[in-house]
Amino acid sequence: GYSEARGVVATASYEARKFGVHSAMPSLTARNKCPQLIFVPPRFEMYHEVSAQIKEIFLEYTDLVEPLSLDEAFLDVTINHKNNPSAGLIAKEIQQRIFEKTRLRASAGVSVNKFLAKIASDWKKPNGFFVIPPEEAERFAENLKIEQFYGVGKVTAQKMHENHIFTGYDLKQRSG
């Protein structure tokens, strides 16, 4: 957002996040946390154009594209247009194609389901690549702190902690 007194941060760069700046934070709070912060106006038309370019790249590989936001999507490449049996190699190719076409870096995560693929994508940001192989998926999920689960925020994590659920393993035990 803009640096006006009533504005909020729409998103924060990785550099700003190191100072504790995050989306939905009041602009004045963000400025106090990071005095050298530079506010830039949003360019929604450009974001939509770039998002469409990236979606075109996805569709070169599979028709099974499920957008999550302007800059994220789930792809099922089990059966794909390139006849490539390796989801990891496809993810690396897509990262390269996105960079070639847009000059933007993209993170990619590969796993057996959307939940773990999203966690894998976030694991090595920015410009990361992480694979959770099928044979390691259950152990990986069990070892995750509950705060690392996609969709679990501070309030939910606190409630889970109150119920002695701290890891994926704890959650699995409670789920029966």
N, C-alpha and C. Protein backbone atom coordinates (compact mmCIF):
# COMPACT_ATOMS: atom_id res chain seq x y z
N GLY A 1 0.82 -1.19 0.00
CA GLY A 1 0.00 0.00 0.00
C GLY A 1 0.85 1.24 0.00
N TYR A 2 0.19 2.39 -0.01
CA TYR A 2 0.88 3.68 0.02
C TYR A 2 1.31 4.00 1.45
N SER A 3 2.19 4.98 1.58
CA SER A 3 2.72 5.32 2.91
C SER A 3 1.81 6.30 3.65
N GLU A 4 0.57 6.44 3.21
CA GLU A 4 -0.35 7.35 3.87
C GLU A 4 -0.71 6.82 5.26
N ALA A 5 -1.12 7.73 6.12
CA ALA A 5 -1.38 7.38 7.52
C ALA A 5 -2.42 6.27 7.68
N ARG A 6 -3.41 6.21 6.80
CA ARG A 6 -4.46 5.21 6.96
C ARG A 6 -4.22 3.96 6.12
N GLY A 7 -3.13 3.90 5.40
CA GLY A 7 -2.88 2.77 4.51
C GLY A 7 -2.40 1.53 5.24
N VAL A 8 -2.43 0.42 4.50
CA VAL A 8 -1.88 -0.83 5.02
C VAL A 8 -0.94 -1.42 3.98
N VAL A 9 -0.07 -2.27 4.43
CA VAL A 9 0.89 -2.95 3.56
C VAL A 9 0.14 -4.06 2.81
N ALA A 10 0.18 -4.02 1.48
CA ALA A 10 -0.46 -5.07 0.67
C ALA A 10 0.40 -6.33 0.67
N THR A 11 1.69 -6.15 0.51
CA THR A 11 2.65 -7.25 0.60
C THR A 11 4.01 -6.65 0.94
N ALA A 12 4.90 -7.48 1.42
CA ALA A 12 6.22 -6.98 1.83
C ALA A 12 7.31 -7.81 1.16
N SER A 13 8.37 -7.13 0.76
CA SER A 13 9.52 -7.84 0.17
C SER A 13 10.19 -8.69 1.25
N TYR A 14 11.01 -9.63 0.81
CA TYR A 14 11.73 -10.46 1.77
C TYR A 14 12.64 -9.61 2.65
N GLU A 15 13.19 -8.53 2.08
CA GLU A 15 14.04 -7.63 2.86
C GLU A 15 13.24 -6.96 3.98
N ALA A 16 12.03 -6.49 3.65
CA ALA A 16 11.19 -5.82 4.66
C ALA A 16 10.71 -6.81 5.71
N ARG A 17 10.44 -8.04 5.30
CA ARG A 17 9.97 -9.06 6.24
C ARG A 17 11.00 -9.33 7.34
N LYS A 18 12.28 -9.15 7.01
CA LYS A 18 13.33 -9.35 8.02
C LYS A 18 13.20 -8.36 9.17
N PHE A 19 12.52 -7.23 8.91
CA PHE A 19 12.31 -6.22 9.94
C PHE A 19 10.96 -6.39 10.64
N GLY A 20 10.23 -7.44 10.27
CA GLY A 20 8.92 -7.70 10.88
C GLY A 20 7.75 -7.09 10.15
N VAL A 21 7.98 -6.56 8.96
CA VAL A 21 6.90 -5.98 8.16
C VAL A 21 6.16 -7.12 7.45
N HIS A 22 4.83 -7.05 7.46
CA HIS A 22 4.03 -8.08 6.79
C HIS A 22 2.76 -7.48 6.21
N SER A 23 2.09 -8.25 5.37
CA SER A 23 0.87 -7.76 4.74
C SER A 23 -0.20 -7.50 5.80
N ALA A 24 -1.06 -6.54 5.51
CA ALA A 24 -2.16 -6.10 6.37
C ALA A 24 -1.69 -5.28 7.57
N MET A 25 -0.39 -5.02 7.66
CA MET A 25 0.15 -4.20 8.75
C MET A 25 -0.12 -2.73 8.42
N PRO A 26 -0.56 -1.92 9.40
CA PRO A 26 -0.71 -0.49 9.14
C PRO A 26 0.61 0.12 8.65
N SER A 27 0.50 1.02 7.69
CA SER A 27 1.69 1.62 7.09
C SER A 27 2.58 2.31 8.12
N LEU A 28 1.97 2.99 9.09
CA LEU A 28 2.78 3.67 10.10
C LEU A 28 3.57 2.68 10.95
N THR A 29 2.96 1.56 11.28
CA THR A 29 3.67 0.52 12.04
C THR A 29 4.83 -0.02 11.22
N ALA A 30 4.58 -0.25 9.94
CA ALA A 30 5.63 -0.75 9.05
C ALA A 30 6.79 0.24 8.97
N ARG A 31 6.47 1.52 8.86
CA ARG A 31 7.51 2.55 8.78
C ARG A 31 8.32 2.59 10.08
N ASN A 32 7.67 2.40 11.22
CA ASN A 32 8.38 2.38 12.50
C ASN A 32 9.32 1.18 12.60
N LYS A 33 8.90 0.05 12.09
CA LYS A 33 9.74 -1.16 12.14
C LYS A 33 10.91 -1.07 11.16
N CYS A 34 10.68 -0.36 10.05
CA CYS A 34 11.68 -0.29 8.98
C CYS A 34 11.68 1.13 8.40
N PRO A 35 12.40 2.07 9.03
CA PRO A 35 12.37 3.47 8.60
C PRO A 35 12.79 3.70 7.14
N GLN A 36 13.62 2.82 6.60
CA GLN A 36 14.07 2.99 5.21
C GLN A 36 13.10 2.36 4.21
N LEU A 37 11.94 1.91 4.68
CA LEU A 37 10.94 1.25 3.85
C LEU A 37 10.51 2.15 2.69
N ILE A 38 10.40 1.57 1.53
CA ILE A 38 9.93 2.30 0.34
C ILE A 38 8.56 1.75 -0.03
N PHE A 39 7.56 2.62 -0.05
CA PHE A 39 6.21 2.23 -0.45
C PHE A 39 6.06 2.47 -1.95
N VAL A 40 5.50 1.51 -2.64
CA VAL A 40 5.24 1.67 -4.07
C VAL A 40 3.76 1.41 -4.33
N PRO A 41 3.18 2.16 -5.25
CA PRO A 41 1.76 1.94 -5.55
C PRO A 41 1.57 0.60 -6.28
N PRO A 42 0.46 -0.06 -6.04
CA PRO A 42 0.21 -1.34 -6.73
C PRO A 42 -0.02 -1.12 -8.22
N ARG A 43 0.35 -2.13 -9.00
CA ARG A 43 0.15 -2.08 -10.46
C ARG A 43 -0.64 -3.33 -10.86
N PHE A 44 -1.93 -3.33 -10.51
CA PHE A 44 -2.76 -4.52 -10.67
C PHE A 44 -2.85 -5.01 -12.11
N GLU A 45 -2.93 -4.08 -13.05
CA GLU A 45 -3.02 -4.48 -14.46
C GLU A 45 -1.79 -5.29 -14.87
N MET A 46 -0.61 -4.83 -14.45
CA MET A 46 0.61 -5.57 -14.77
C MET A 46 0.62 -6.93 -14.07
N TYR A 47 0.16 -6.98 -12.82
CA TYR A 47 0.14 -8.25 -12.10
C TYR A 47 -0.73 -9.27 -12.83
N HIS A 48 -1.89 -8.81 -13.32
CA HIS A 48 -2.78 -9.71 -14.05
C HIS A 48 -2.15 -10.18 -15.36
N GLU A 49 -1.44 -9.28 -16.05
CA GLU A 49 -0.77 -9.65 -17.30
C GLU A 49 0.30 -10.71 -17.06
N VAL A 50 1.13 -10.50 -16.04
CA VAL A 50 2.20 -11.45 -15.74
C VAL A 50 1.60 -12.78 -15.26
N SER A 51 0.55 -12.70 -14.46
CA SER A 51 -0.12 -13.91 -14.00
C SER A 51 -0.64 -14.72 -15.19
N ALA A 52 -1.20 -14.05 -16.19
CA ALA A 52 -1.69 -14.73 -17.40
C ALA A 52 -0.54 -15.38 -18.17
N GLN A 53 0.61 -14.70 -18.24
CA GLN A 53 1.79 -15.27 -18.91
C GLN A 53 2.25 -16.54 -18.20
N ILE A 54 2.25 -16.50 -16.88
CA ILE A 54 2.68 -17.67 -16.11
C ILE A 54 1.69 -18.81 -16.28
N LYS A 55 0.40 -18.49 -16.29
CA LYS A 55 -0.61 -19.54 -16.49
C LYS A 55 -0.42 -20.20 -17.86
N GLU A 56 -0.08 -19.42 -18.88
CA GLU A 56 0.20 -19.99 -20.22
C GLU A 56 1.32 -21.01 -20.14
N ILE A 57 2.34 -20.71 -19.35
CA ILE A 57 3.45 -21.66 -19.18
C ILE A 57 2.94 -22.93 -18.52
N PHE A 58 2.15 -22.78 -17.46
CA PHE A 58 1.60 -23.96 -16.79
C PHE A 58 0.84 -24.84 -17.78
N LEU A 59 0.04 -24.20 -18.64
CA LEU A 59 -0.80 -24.95 -19.58
C LEU A 59 0.01 -25.66 -20.66
N GLU A 60 1.27 -25.28 -20.83
CA GLU A 60 2.15 -26.01 -21.74
C GLU A 60 2.44 -27.41 -21.19
N TYR A 61 2.28 -27.58 -19.88
CA TYR A 61 2.63 -28.83 -19.22
C TYR A 61 1.41 -29.66 -18.83
N THR A 62 0.33 -28.99 -18.41
CA THR A 62 -0.86 -29.71 -17.97
C THR A 62 -2.09 -28.82 -18.05
N ASP A 63 -3.23 -29.44 -18.26
CA ASP A 63 -4.50 -28.70 -18.20
C ASP A 63 -5.03 -28.65 -16.77
N LEU A 64 -4.43 -29.43 -15.89
CA LEU A 64 -4.89 -29.51 -14.50
C LEU A 64 -4.18 -28.46 -13.65
N VAL A 65 -4.63 -27.21 -13.81
CA VAL A 65 -4.06 -26.06 -13.11
C VAL A 65 -5.14 -25.50 -12.20
N GLU A 66 -4.84 -25.43 -10.92
CA GLU A 66 -5.78 -24.88 -9.93
C GLU A 66 -5.16 -23.63 -9.31
N PRO A 67 -5.59 -22.45 -9.78
CA PRO A 67 -5.02 -21.21 -9.22
C PRO A 67 -5.33 -21.09 -7.73
N LEU A 68 -4.34 -20.62 -6.99
CA LEU A 68 -4.50 -20.37 -5.57
C LEU A 68 -4.58 -18.86 -5.32
N SER A 69 -3.85 -18.11 -6.13
CA SER A 69 -3.86 -16.64 -6.07
C SER A 69 -3.26 -16.16 -7.38
N LEU A 70 -3.01 -14.85 -7.48
CA LEU A 70 -2.40 -14.32 -8.70
C LEU A 70 -1.04 -14.93 -8.97
N ASP A 71 -0.31 -15.29 -7.92
CA ASP A 71 1.06 -15.77 -8.12
C ASP A 71 1.30 -17.19 -7.62
N GLU A 72 0.23 -17.95 -7.39
CA GLU A 72 0.40 -19.33 -6.94
C GLU A 72 -0.65 -20.22 -7.60
N ALA A 73 -0.26 -21.46 -7.85
CA ALA A 73 -1.21 -22.43 -8.41
C ALA A 73 -0.73 -23.83 -8.08
N PHE A 74 -1.69 -24.74 -8.03
CA PHE A 74 -1.38 -26.16 -7.92
C PHE A 74 -1.47 -26.76 -9.31
N LEU A 75 -0.49 -27.59 -9.67
CA LEU A 75 -0.50 -28.29 -10.95
C LEU A 75 -0.43 -29.79 -10.69
N ASP A 76 -1.27 -30.54 -11.37
CA ASP A 76 -1.16 -31.99 -11.33
C ASP A 76 -0.48 -32.40 -12.63
N VAL A 77 0.75 -32.85 -12.53
CA VAL A 77 1.53 -33.24 -13.72
C VAL A 77 1.72 -34.74 -13.81
N THR A 78 0.85 -35.48 -13.11
CA THR A 78 0.92 -36.94 -13.17
C THR A 78 0.89 -37.39 -14.63
N ILE A 79 -0.07 -36.86 -15.37
CA ILE A 79 -0.13 -37.05 -16.82
C ILE A 79 0.07 -35.65 -17.39
N ASN A 80 1.08 -35.46 -18.24
CA ASN A 80 1.40 -34.12 -18.71
C ASN A 80 1.68 -34.10 -20.20
N HIS A 81 1.63 -32.90 -20.77
CA HIS A 81 1.80 -32.71 -22.22
C HIS A 81 3.22 -33.01 -22.70
N LYS A 82 4.17 -33.06 -21.81
CA LYS A 82 5.57 -33.29 -22.19
C LYS A 82 5.96 -34.76 -22.07
N ASN A 83 5.03 -35.59 -21.59
CA ASN A 83 5.31 -37.02 -21.35
C ASN A 83 6.55 -37.21 -20.48
N ASN A 84 6.71 -36.31 -19.53
CA ASN A 84 7.85 -36.36 -18.61
C ASN A 84 7.38 -37.01 -17.31
N PRO A 85 7.96 -38.14 -16.92
CA PRO A 85 7.50 -38.81 -15.70
C PRO A 85 7.99 -38.16 -14.40
N SER A 86 8.85 -37.16 -14.49
CA SER A 86 9.44 -36.56 -13.29
C SER A 86 8.81 -35.21 -12.96
N ALA A 87 7.99 -35.18 -11.90
CA ALA A 87 7.39 -33.92 -11.46
C ALA A 87 8.47 -32.92 -11.06
N GLY A 88 9.57 -33.41 -10.49
CA GLY A 88 10.66 -32.52 -10.11
C GLY A 88 11.30 -31.84 -11.30
N LEU A 89 11.56 -32.60 -12.36
CA LEU A 89 12.14 -32.01 -13.57
C LEU A 89 11.18 -31.02 -14.21
N ILE A 90 9.89 -31.36 -14.20
CA ILE A 90 8.89 -30.44 -14.75
C ILE A 90 8.89 -29.14 -13.96
N ALA A 91 8.93 -29.23 -12.63
CA ALA A 91 8.93 -28.03 -11.79
C ALA A 91 10.15 -27.16 -12.09
N LYS A 92 11.32 -27.78 -12.25
CA LYS A 92 12.53 -27.01 -12.58
C LYS A 92 12.39 -26.34 -13.94
N GLU A 93 11.84 -27.06 -14.92
CA GLU A 93 11.62 -26.48 -16.25
C GLU A 93 10.68 -25.28 -16.17
N ILE A 94 9.60 -25.43 -15.41
CA ILE A 94 8.64 -24.35 -15.28
C ILE A 94 9.29 -23.13 -14.62
N GLN A 95 10.09 -23.34 -13.59
CA GLN A 95 10.81 -22.22 -12.97
C GLN A 95 11.66 -21.49 -14.01
N GLN A 96 12.37 -22.25 -14.82
CA GLN A 96 13.24 -21.66 -15.84
C GLN A 96 12.43 -20.90 -16.88
N ARG A 97 11.31 -21.50 -17.33
CA ARG A 97 10.46 -20.85 -18.34
C ARG A 97 9.86 -19.55 -17.79
N ILE A 98 9.44 -19.57 -16.52
CA ILE A 98 8.90 -18.35 -15.91
C ILE A 98 9.96 -17.26 -15.90
N PHE A 99 11.18 -17.62 -15.53
CA PHE A 99 12.25 -16.62 -15.50
C PHE A 99 12.55 -16.09 -16.90
N GLU A 100 12.63 -16.98 -17.88
CA GLU A 100 12.92 -16.55 -19.25
C GLU A 100 11.85 -15.61 -19.79
N LYS A 101 10.59 -15.88 -19.47
CA LYS A 101 9.49 -15.09 -20.03
C LYS A 101 9.21 -13.81 -19.25
N THR A 102 9.40 -13.83 -17.92
CA THR A 102 9.00 -12.69 -17.09
C THR A 102 10.15 -12.03 -16.34
N ARG A 103 11.30 -12.68 -16.28
CA ARG A 103 12.46 -12.25 -15.49
C ARG A 103 12.15 -12.29 -13.99
N LEU A 104 11.13 -13.05 -13.61
CA LEU A 104 10.78 -13.23 -12.21
C LEU A 104 11.21 -14.61 -11.74
N ARG A 105 11.62 -14.68 -10.49
CA ARG A 105 11.98 -15.96 -9.88
C ARG A 105 10.72 -16.58 -9.27
N ALA A 106 10.66 -17.88 -9.28
CA ALA A 106 9.50 -18.59 -8.73
C ALA A 106 9.98 -19.74 -7.86
N SER A 107 9.27 -19.98 -6.79
CA SER A 107 9.54 -21.15 -5.95
C SER A 107 8.63 -22.28 -6.40
N ALA A 108 9.09 -23.51 -6.21
CA ALA A 108 8.30 -24.68 -6.60
C ALA A 108 8.42 -25.76 -5.55
N GLY A 109 7.31 -26.39 -5.26
CA GLY A 109 7.28 -27.50 -4.33
C GLY A 109 6.59 -28.68 -4.97
N VAL A 110 7.13 -29.87 -4.74
CA VAL A 110 6.58 -31.08 -5.35
C VAL A 110 6.32 -32.10 -4.24
N SER A 111 5.12 -32.66 -4.26
CA SER A 111 4.82 -33.75 -3.34
C SER A 111 3.57 -34.50 -3.79
N VAL A 112 3.11 -35.39 -2.93
CA VAL A 112 2.02 -36.30 -3.27
C VAL A 112 0.64 -35.66 -3.17
N ASN A 113 0.53 -34.51 -2.50
CA ASN A 113 -0.76 -33.83 -2.39
C ASN A 113 -0.54 -32.32 -2.31
N LYS A 114 -1.63 -31.56 -2.43
CA LYS A 114 -1.52 -30.11 -2.45
C LYS A 114 -0.98 -29.56 -1.12
N PHE A 115 -1.42 -30.13 -0.02
CA PHE A 115 -0.98 -29.68 1.30
C PHE A 115 0.54 -29.71 1.40
N LEU A 116 1.14 -30.85 1.07
CA LEU A 116 2.60 -30.98 1.18
C LEU A 116 3.32 -30.22 0.07
N ALA A 117 2.72 -30.13 -1.12
CA ALA A 117 3.35 -29.36 -2.20
C ALA A 117 3.45 -27.89 -1.82
N LYS A 118 2.41 -27.35 -1.18
CA LYS A 118 2.43 -25.95 -0.75
C LYS A 118 3.51 -25.74 0.31
N ILE A 119 3.60 -26.64 1.26
CA ILE A 119 4.65 -26.54 2.28
C ILE A 119 6.03 -26.63 1.62
N ALA A 120 6.19 -27.54 0.67
CA ALA A 120 7.47 -27.69 -0.04
C ALA A 120 7.82 -26.42 -0.79
N SER A 121 6.83 -25.78 -1.41
CA SER A 121 7.06 -24.55 -2.15
C SER A 121 7.55 -23.43 -1.24
N ASP A 122 7.01 -23.39 -0.04
CA ASP A 122 7.40 -22.34 0.92
C ASP A 122 8.71 -22.66 1.63
N TRP A 123 9.19 -23.88 1.52
CA TRP A 123 10.33 -24.37 2.31
C TRP A 123 11.62 -23.63 2.01
N LYS A 124 11.87 -23.32 0.75
CA LYS A 124 13.17 -22.74 0.37
C LYS A 124 13.02 -21.40 -0.34
N LYS A 125 12.04 -20.60 0.03
CA LYS A 125 11.83 -19.31 -0.63
C LYS A 125 12.97 -18.36 -0.29
N PRO A 126 13.25 -17.40 -1.12
CA PRO A 126 12.70 -17.20 -2.47
C PRO A 126 13.44 -18.04 -3.51
N ASN A 127 12.81 -18.22 -4.64
CA ASN A 127 13.39 -18.96 -5.77
C ASN A 127 13.80 -20.37 -5.37
N GLY A 128 13.02 -20.96 -4.51
CA GLY A 128 13.37 -22.28 -4.00
C GLY A 128 12.79 -23.42 -4.81
N PHE A 129 13.30 -24.59 -4.49
CA PHE A 129 12.81 -25.83 -5.10
C PHE A 129 12.98 -26.91 -4.05
N PHE A 130 11.87 -27.60 -3.74
CA PHE A 130 11.94 -28.63 -2.71
C PHE A 130 10.97 -29.74 -3.07
N VAL A 131 11.44 -30.98 -2.92
CA VAL A 131 10.62 -32.15 -3.21
C VAL A 131 10.45 -32.96 -1.92
N ILE A 132 9.22 -33.33 -1.64
CA ILE A 132 8.94 -34.27 -0.55
C ILE A 132 8.50 -35.56 -1.23
N PRO A 133 9.40 -36.54 -1.34
CA PRO A 133 9.08 -37.79 -2.05
C PRO A 133 7.95 -38.56 -1.35
N PRO A 134 7.19 -39.35 -2.12
CA PRO A 134 6.07 -40.10 -1.54
C PRO A 134 6.46 -40.94 -0.33
N GLU A 135 7.61 -41.58 -0.40
CA GLU A 135 8.01 -42.46 0.70
C GLU A 135 8.42 -41.69 1.96
N GLU A 136 8.61 -40.38 1.84
CA GLU A 136 8.99 -39.56 3.00
C GLU A 136 7.86 -38.64 3.47
N ALA A 137 6.74 -38.64 2.75
CA ALA A 137 5.66 -37.68 3.01
C ALA A 137 5.10 -37.79 4.43
N GLU A 138 4.79 -38.99 4.87
CA GLU A 138 4.19 -39.15 6.19
C GLU A 138 5.15 -38.71 7.29
N ARG A 139 6.40 -39.14 7.22
CA ARG A 139 7.39 -38.76 8.23
C ARG A 139 7.61 -37.24 8.22
N PHE A 140 7.67 -36.66 7.03
CA PHE A 140 7.86 -35.22 6.90
C PHE A 140 6.72 -34.47 7.60
N ALA A 141 5.47 -34.87 7.31
CA ALA A 141 4.31 -34.20 7.91
C ALA A 141 4.28 -34.39 9.42
N GLU A 142 4.66 -35.57 9.89
CA GLU A 142 4.67 -35.82 11.34
C GLU A 142 5.68 -34.94 12.06
N ASN A 143 6.78 -34.62 11.41
CA ASN A 143 7.84 -33.83 12.03
C ASN A 143 7.63 -32.32 11.94
N LEU A 144 6.63 -31.89 11.18
CA LEU A 144 6.37 -30.46 11.05
C LEU A 144 5.80 -29.89 12.35
N LYS A 145 6.27 -28.71 12.71
CA LYS A 145 5.63 -27.98 13.81
C LYS A 145 4.26 -27.55 13.30
N ILE A 146 3.28 -27.52 14.16
CA ILE A 146 1.92 -27.21 13.76
C ILE A 146 1.84 -25.82 13.11
N GLU A 147 2.72 -24.90 13.51
CA GLU A 147 2.75 -23.56 12.92
C GLU A 147 3.18 -23.59 11.46
N GLN A 148 3.83 -24.65 11.04
CA GLN A 148 4.30 -24.75 9.66
C GLN A 148 3.24 -25.31 8.72
N PHE A 149 2.13 -25.77 9.28
CA PHE A 149 1.05 -26.29 8.45
C PHE A 149 0.40 -25.15 7.68
N TYR A 150 0.16 -25.37 6.41
CA TYR A 150 -0.52 -24.39 5.57
C TYR A 150 -1.91 -24.14 6.14
N GLY A 151 -2.23 -22.86 6.36
CA GLY A 151 -3.54 -22.49 6.86
C GLY A 151 -3.63 -22.36 8.37
N VAL A 152 -2.58 -22.73 9.08
CA VAL A 152 -2.59 -22.61 10.55
C VAL A 152 -1.91 -21.29 10.93
N GLY A 153 -2.71 -20.37 11.43
CA GLY A 153 -2.19 -19.08 11.87
C GLY A 153 -1.93 -19.08 13.36
N LYS A 154 -1.64 -17.90 13.89
CA LYS A 154 -1.29 -17.78 15.31
C LYS A 154 -2.41 -18.24 16.23
N VAL A 155 -3.65 -17.85 15.92
CA VAL A 155 -4.78 -18.18 16.80
C VAL A 155 -5.02 -19.68 16.81
N THR A 156 -5.04 -20.29 15.63
CA THR A 156 -5.26 -21.74 15.55
C THR A 156 -4.11 -22.49 16.22
N ALA A 157 -2.89 -22.05 15.99
CA ALA A 157 -1.73 -22.70 16.62
C ALA A 157 -1.85 -22.64 18.14
N GLN A 158 -2.25 -21.48 18.67
CA GLN A 158 -2.40 -21.34 20.12
C GLN A 158 -3.44 -22.31 20.66
N LYS A 159 -4.57 -22.44 19.95
CA LYS A 159 -5.62 -23.37 20.39
C LYS A 159 -5.12 -24.81 20.34
N MET A 160 -4.34 -25.13 19.32
CA MET A 160 -3.80 -26.48 19.22
C MET A 160 -2.80 -26.74 20.34
N HIS A 161 -1.97 -25.76 20.63
CA HIS A 161 -1.02 -25.90 21.74
C HIS A 161 -1.75 -26.15 23.06
N GLU A 162 -2.86 -25.43 23.25
CA GLU A 162 -3.65 -25.62 24.47
C GLU A 162 -4.16 -27.06 24.57
N ASN A 163 -4.31 -27.71 23.42
CA ASN A 163 -4.75 -29.11 23.38
C ASN A 163 -3.58 -30.08 23.22
N HIS A 164 -2.38 -29.59 23.50
CA HIS A 164 -1.16 -30.40 23.47
C HIS A 164 -0.85 -30.96 22.08
N ILE A 165 -1.16 -30.16 21.07
CA ILE A 165 -0.84 -30.53 19.69
C ILE A 165 0.23 -29.56 19.21
N PHE A 166 1.45 -30.07 19.06
CA PHE A 166 2.59 -29.23 18.69
C PHE A 166 3.19 -29.62 17.35
N THR A 167 2.96 -30.85 16.91
CA THR A 167 3.55 -31.35 15.66
C THR A 167 2.49 -32.10 14.85
N GLY A 168 2.85 -32.41 13.63
CA GLY A 168 1.99 -33.24 12.80
C GLY A 168 1.73 -34.59 13.44
N TYR A 169 2.74 -35.13 14.10
CA TYR A 169 2.57 -36.41 14.78
C TYR A 169 1.51 -36.30 15.87
N ASP A 170 1.57 -35.23 16.66
CA ASP A 170 0.57 -35.02 17.72
C ASP A 170 -0.84 -34.95 17.12
N LEU A 171 -0.97 -34.24 16.02
CA LEU A 171 -2.27 -34.11 15.36
C LEU A 171 -2.76 -35.46 14.86
N LYS A 172 -1.86 -36.23 14.29
CA LYS A 172 -2.21 -37.57 13.80
C LYS A 172 -2.71 -38.45 14.95
N GLN A 173 -2.02 -38.39 16.08
CA GLN A 173 -2.40 -39.20 17.24
C GLN A 173 -3.79 -38.81 17.75
N ARG A 174 -4.09 -37.51 17.71
CA ARG A 174 -5.39 -37.02 18.21
C ARG A 174 -6.51 -37.29 17.21
N SER A 175 -6.16 -37.43 15.94
CA SER A 175 -7.18 -37.62 14.89
C SER A 175 -7.67 -39.06 14.83
N GLY A 176 -6.91 -39.97 15.44
CA GLY A 176 -7.29 -41.37 15.50
C GLY A 176 -7.12 -42.03 14.21
